[in-house]
């Protein structure tokens, strides 16, 4: 390497050139993300519209991404798609996507911002099982901890699972058993003609499940699902508190905050709503 070339390499780029490089990198990433948002395959016109740049400019960035194996073009030349290198990056990210770990900041935020007990549960062999649990400075006395299995039908956590998850014979069997074993007073809380179907539709419409004094006397709770990149429910985020000072209304402040945190965790897991 000549001294001239070495000095050129060692010398930092002028500020304007550095800004241009950063802007170019940002635009390139925007093009790649737009392609992903459009379903992984789209036309040049659609991608350009998504990033609000001219097709000619976007084409140059797509050419660079194709050279790096991140994007490919179909034989007809009308569509661009994510290629093998993009898939490899995505798979590496998915391997790091642990819903329990990603939900921890949400638990802390709910605890600190709303002064509520919060936890995340996953579906275990016996039903919804608490795996992380956070309490505020003045905790509510509840008989649930890490490892506790929640009712699938009578807890907000369980209801969020059964309302949003895919059909599962094991879950259906648990629901049927809980419904059959419930006392008449509890069954009266549900629709007489179609108890499970009506409850599922109501929860899905609200985007969360809520209960007041149903599973635990004097305790109210709200729960929302965590979705992975396939749309499957991989966990449930729940907040609970004493009924006297906790509003479980699906349109209330607690429910809105919980849904927002659940959406953020789901986004971190690669979920695209809709």
Protein backbone atom coordinates (compact mmCIF):
# COMPACT_ATOMS: atom_id res chain seq x y z
CA UNK A 1 0.00 0.00 0.00
CA UNK A 2 1.43 3.37 -1.01
CA UNK A 3 1.77 6.16 1.51
CA UNK A 4 -0.72 8.24 -0.50
CA UNK A 5 -3.41 5.55 -0.32
CA UNK A 6 -2.64 4.92 3.36
CA UNK A 7 -2.97 8.60 4.19
CA UNK A 8 -6.29 8.74 2.35
CA UNK A 9 -7.56 5.79 4.37
CA UNK A 10 -6.31 7.23 7.65
CA UNK A 11 -7.74 10.67 7.03
CA UNK A 12 -11.31 11.02 8.31
CA UNK A 13 -13.95 11.93 5.76
CA UNK A 14 -15.10 15.55 5.73
CA UNK A 15 -18.26 16.23 7.77
CA UNK A 16 -20.43 16.69 4.68
CA UNK A 17 -19.25 13.39 3.22
CA UNK A 18 -19.88 11.62 6.52
CA UNK A 19 -23.43 13.01 6.62
CA UNK A 20 -24.02 11.83 3.07
CA UNK A 21 -22.81 8.35 3.97
CA UNK A 22 -25.10 8.22 6.99
CA UNK A 23 -28.05 9.43 4.94
CA UNK A 24 -27.31 6.83 2.27
CA UNK A 25 -27.17 4.08 4.88
CA UNK A 26 -30.44 5.27 6.43
CA UNK A 27 -32.17 5.31 3.05
CA UNK A 28 -30.84 1.86 2.21
CA UNK A 29 -32.18 0.48 5.48
CA UNK A 30 -35.50 2.26 4.92
CA UNK A 31 -35.82 0.52 1.55
CA UNK A 32 -35.06 -2.85 3.12
CA UNK A 33 -37.55 -2.30 5.95
CA UNK A 34 -40.21 -1.12 3.50
CA UNK A 35 -39.80 -4.32 1.50
CA UNK A 36 -40.24 -6.33 4.70
CA UNK A 37 -43.32 -4.32 5.70
CA UNK A 38 -44.84 -4.89 2.26
CA UNK A 39 -44.72 -8.63 2.87
CA UNK A 40 -41.21 -9.40 1.65
CA UNK A 41 -42.07 -8.98 -2.04
CA UNK A 42 -43.15 -5.82 -3.87
CA UNK A 43 -42.78 -3.76 -7.03
CA UNK A 44 -40.36 -0.87 -7.40
CA UNK A 45 -43.31 1.54 -7.45
CA UNK A 46 -44.71 0.18 -4.19
CA UNK A 47 -41.35 0.34 -2.43
CA UNK A 48 -40.70 3.87 -3.67
CA UNK A 49 -44.12 4.93 -2.43
CA UNK A 50 -43.49 3.39 0.97
CA UNK A 51 -40.23 5.29 1.49
CA UNK A 52 -41.44 8.44 -0.32
CA UNK A 53 -38.50 8.51 -2.71
CA UNK A 54 -38.31 8.49 -6.50
CA UNK A 55 -38.28 5.05 -8.20
CA UNK A 56 -34.94 5.90 -9.83
CA UNK A 57 -33.32 6.58 -6.45
CA UNK A 58 -34.85 3.50 -4.85
CA UNK A 59 -33.67 1.38 -7.79
CA UNK A 60 -30.05 2.35 -7.05
CA UNK A 61 -30.40 1.23 -3.44
CA UNK A 62 -32.10 -1.99 -4.46
CA UNK A 63 -29.18 -2.69 -6.79
CA UNK A 64 -26.78 -2.32 -3.85
CA UNK A 65 -28.92 -4.60 -1.70
CA UNK A 66 -29.03 -7.16 -4.49
CA UNK A 67 -25.24 -7.06 -4.76
CA UNK A 68 -25.05 -7.95 -1.04
CA UNK A 69 -27.53 -10.80 -1.36
CA UNK A 70 -30.18 -9.08 0.76
CA UNK A 71 -32.66 -8.58 -2.09
CA UNK A 72 -33.40 -10.49 -5.28
CA UNK A 73 -35.41 -9.72 -8.40
CA UNK A 74 -37.82 -12.15 -10.06
CA UNK A 75 -37.22 -13.35 -13.59
CA UNK A 76 -39.77 -10.96 -15.00
CA UNK A 77 -37.98 -8.05 -13.34
CA UNK A 78 -41.18 -6.58 -11.93
CA UNK A 79 -40.91 -7.68 -8.31
CA UNK A 80 -38.22 -7.45 -5.66
CA UNK A 81 -38.06 -9.88 -2.74
CA UNK A 82 -36.03 -10.45 0.40
CA UNK A 83 -33.19 -12.82 -0.41
CA UNK A 84 -31.11 -15.40 1.46
CA UNK A 85 -28.92 -12.95 3.38
CA UNK A 86 -31.96 -11.06 4.68
CA UNK A 87 -33.47 -14.36 5.80
CA UNK A 88 -30.26 -15.29 7.57
CA UNK A 89 -30.29 -11.99 9.47
CA UNK A 90 -33.96 -12.51 10.33
CA UNK A 91 -33.38 -16.03 11.60
CA UNK A 92 -30.52 -14.84 13.79
CA UNK A 93 -32.79 -12.17 15.27
CA UNK A 94 -35.59 -14.67 15.87
CA UNK A 95 -33.24 -16.96 17.76
CA UNK A 96 -32.67 -14.07 20.17
CA UNK A 97 -36.41 -13.39 20.55
CA UNK A 98 -37.21 -14.76 23.98
CA UNK A 99 -40.71 -13.51 24.92
CA UNK A 100 -40.01 -13.80 28.64
CA UNK A 101 -36.83 -11.72 28.44
CA UNK A 102 -38.40 -9.16 26.11
CA UNK A 103 -41.41 -8.77 28.43
CA UNK A 104 -39.33 -7.87 31.49
CA UNK A 105 -39.04 -4.12 30.68
CA UNK A 106 -42.82 -4.03 30.15
CA UNK A 107 -43.40 -5.58 33.58
CA UNK A 108 -41.16 -3.02 35.22
CA UNK A 109 -42.79 -0.13 33.38
CA UNK A 110 -46.29 -1.23 34.36
CA UNK A 111 -45.22 -1.68 37.96
CA UNK A 112 -43.56 1.72 38.19
CA UNK A 113 -45.98 3.77 36.09
CA UNK A 114 -49.23 2.34 37.43
CA UNK A 115 -48.15 0.89 40.79
CA UNK A 116 -49.73 -2.46 39.95
CA UNK A 117 -48.63 -6.07 40.20
CA UNK A 118 -47.62 -7.32 36.77
CA UNK A 119 -46.57 -10.68 35.41
CA UNK A 120 -46.06 -12.65 32.22
CA UNK A 121 -47.39 -16.17 31.73
CA UNK A 122 -46.84 -18.89 29.13
CA UNK A 123 -49.01 -21.87 28.30
CA UNK A 124 -47.73 -24.89 30.22
CA UNK A 125 -48.88 -28.49 30.35
CA UNK A 126 -51.41 -27.71 33.08
CA UNK A 127 -52.52 -24.32 31.78
CA UNK A 128 -51.35 -20.67 31.88
CA UNK A 129 -48.26 -20.58 34.10
CA UNK A 130 -46.65 -17.46 35.60
CA UNK A 131 -42.95 -17.21 34.70
CA UNK A 132 -42.08 -13.59 35.68
CA UNK A 133 -43.67 -11.55 38.46
CA UNK A 134 -43.20 -7.93 39.57
CA UNK A 135 -44.78 -6.23 42.60
CA UNK A 136 -45.08 -2.50 43.43
CA UNK A 137 -43.79 -0.91 46.64
CA UNK A 138 -47.11 -1.64 48.37
CA UNK A 139 -47.94 -5.09 47.00
CA UNK A 140 -51.43 -6.54 46.88
CA UNK A 141 -51.79 -9.78 48.82
CA UNK A 142 -52.59 -12.42 46.21
CA UNK A 143 -51.99 -16.13 46.27
CA UNK A 144 -50.12 -16.24 42.95
CA UNK A 145 -46.40 -16.35 42.33
CA UNK A 146 -43.93 -17.62 39.74
CA UNK A 147 -45.00 -21.16 38.94
CA UNK A 148 -48.67 -20.58 39.73
CA UNK A 149 -51.09 -22.06 37.19
CA UNK A 150 -53.99 -19.73 36.40
CA UNK A 151 -57.54 -20.69 35.54
CA UNK A 152 -58.03 -20.77 31.78
CA UNK A 153 -61.66 -19.63 31.94
CA UNK A 154 -61.95 -17.48 35.06
CA UNK A 155 -58.67 -15.52 35.13
CA UNK A 156 -57.88 -12.60 32.81
CA UNK A 157 -54.62 -14.36 31.91
CA UNK A 158 -56.35 -17.57 30.87
CA UNK A 159 -59.03 -15.72 28.96
CA UNK A 160 -56.42 -13.81 26.95
CA UNK A 161 -54.84 -17.13 25.99
CA UNK A 162 -57.99 -18.90 24.88
CA UNK A 163 -59.45 -15.86 23.10
CA UNK A 164 -56.41 -15.10 20.96
CA UNK A 165 -54.52 -18.35 20.50
CA UNK A 166 -55.03 -20.82 17.65
CA UNK A 167 -57.40 -23.75 18.11
CA UNK A 168 -55.86 -26.28 20.48
CA UNK A 169 -57.58 -29.51 21.52
CA UNK A 170 -55.80 -29.50 24.88
CA UNK A 171 -56.99 -25.96 25.64
CA UNK A 172 -60.53 -26.81 24.51
CA UNK A 173 -60.56 -29.79 26.88
CA UNK A 174 -59.39 -27.61 29.80
CA UNK A 175 -62.05 -25.01 29.03
CA UNK A 176 -64.81 -27.60 28.84
CA UNK A 177 -63.75 -29.11 32.15
CA UNK A 178 -63.57 -25.73 33.94
CA UNK A 179 -66.97 -24.75 32.59
CA UNK A 180 -68.54 -28.05 33.64
CA UNK A 181 -67.04 -27.86 37.14
CA UNK A 182 -67.97 -24.21 37.75
CA UNK A 183 -70.76 -23.46 40.23
CA UNK A 184 -74.00 -22.07 38.83
CA UNK A 185 -73.21 -18.55 40.08
CA UNK A 186 -70.05 -18.45 37.98
CA UNK A 187 -71.65 -19.93 34.89
CA UNK A 188 -74.33 -17.25 35.18
CA UNK A 189 -71.63 -14.65 34.44
CA UNK A 190 -71.35 -16.03 30.91
CA UNK A 191 -73.74 -16.05 27.97
CA UNK A 192 -76.20 -18.91 28.35
CA UNK A 193 -76.46 -19.84 24.67
CA UNK A 194 -72.79 -19.66 23.66
CA UNK A 195 -70.64 -18.97 26.74
CA UNK A 196 -67.21 -19.52 25.22
CA UNK A 197 -67.91 -18.12 21.77
CA UNK A 198 -69.47 -14.93 23.10
CA UNK A 199 -66.67 -14.41 25.61
CA UNK A 200 -64.02 -14.94 22.92
CA UNK A 201 -65.62 -12.40 20.60
CA UNK A 202 -65.92 -9.81 23.38
CA UNK A 203 -62.27 -10.20 24.38
CA UNK A 204 -61.01 -10.01 20.81
CA UNK A 205 -63.07 -6.87 20.18
CA UNK A 206 -61.56 -5.24 23.29
CA UNK A 207 -58.00 -6.37 22.53
CA UNK A 208 -57.62 -7.63 26.10
CA UNK A 209 -59.34 -9.70 28.78
CA UNK A 210 -60.50 -8.19 32.05
CA UNK A 211 -62.06 -9.58 35.24
CA UNK A 212 -63.30 -8.11 38.51
CA UNK A 213 -63.65 -10.33 41.59
CA UNK A 214 -64.04 -13.43 39.42
CA UNK A 215 -60.93 -15.56 39.87
CA UNK A 216 -59.73 -14.00 43.15
CA UNK A 217 -62.13 -12.18 45.52
CA UNK A 218 -61.27 -8.49 45.81
CA UNK A 219 -58.85 -8.64 42.87
CA UNK A 220 -59.26 -7.21 39.38
CA UNK A 221 -56.99 -7.90 36.42
CA UNK A 222 -56.40 -7.08 32.77
CA UNK A 223 -54.39 -9.26 30.37
CA UNK A 224 -53.24 -8.94 26.75
CA UNK A 225 -51.57 -11.45 24.41
CA UNK A 226 -47.98 -11.48 23.16
CA UNK A 227 -47.69 -12.53 19.51
CA UNK A 228 -44.58 -13.76 17.71
CA UNK A 229 -43.62 -13.15 14.08
CA UNK A 230 -46.03 -15.88 12.91
CA UNK A 231 -48.95 -14.32 14.79
CA UNK A 232 -49.08 -17.14 17.33
CA UNK A 233 -49.68 -16.30 21.00
CA UNK A 234 -46.47 -17.08 22.90
CA UNK A 235 -47.37 -15.47 26.21
CA UNK A 236 -49.73 -13.15 28.05
CA UNK A 237 -48.95 -9.91 29.88
CA UNK A 238 -51.14 -9.26 32.92
CA UNK A 239 -51.65 -6.45 35.45
CA UNK A 240 -53.69 -6.85 38.62
CA UNK A 241 -54.62 -4.94 41.75
CA UNK A 242 -57.15 -4.59 44.54
CA UNK A 243 -60.59 -3.99 43.03
CA UNK A 244 -61.12 -0.85 45.09
CA UNK A 245 -58.24 0.97 43.40
CA UNK A 246 -57.81 -0.87 40.10
CA UNK A 247 -59.90 -0.13 37.01
CA UNK A 248 -60.22 -3.24 34.78
CA UNK A 249 -62.34 -1.45 32.18
CA UNK A 250 -61.00 -2.45 28.72
CA UNK A 251 -61.05 1.24 27.76
CA UNK A 252 -59.47 2.43 31.01
CA UNK A 253 -55.95 3.69 31.63
CA UNK A 254 -54.59 0.36 32.88
CA UNK A 255 -55.92 -1.57 29.89
CA UNK A 256 -54.62 1.02 27.42
CA UNK A 257 -51.15 0.93 28.99
CA UNK A 258 -51.15 -2.87 29.08
CA UNK A 259 -52.16 -3.19 25.43
CA UNK A 260 -49.46 -0.71 24.43
CA UNK A 261 -46.78 -2.67 26.32
CA UNK A 262 -48.00 -5.97 24.87
CA UNK A 263 -47.89 -4.48 21.38
CA UNK A 264 -44.31 -3.31 21.94
CA UNK A 265 -43.22 -6.75 23.13
CA UNK A 266 -44.99 -8.37 20.17
CA UNK A 267 -43.24 -5.96 17.78
CA UNK A 268 -39.90 -6.98 19.32
CA UNK A 269 -40.86 -10.59 18.54
CA UNK A 270 -41.41 -9.65 14.90
CA UNK A 271 -45.20 -9.42 14.96
CA UNK A 272 -46.81 -7.19 12.34
CA UNK A 273 -50.39 -6.33 13.39
CA UNK A 274 -53.17 -6.79 10.90
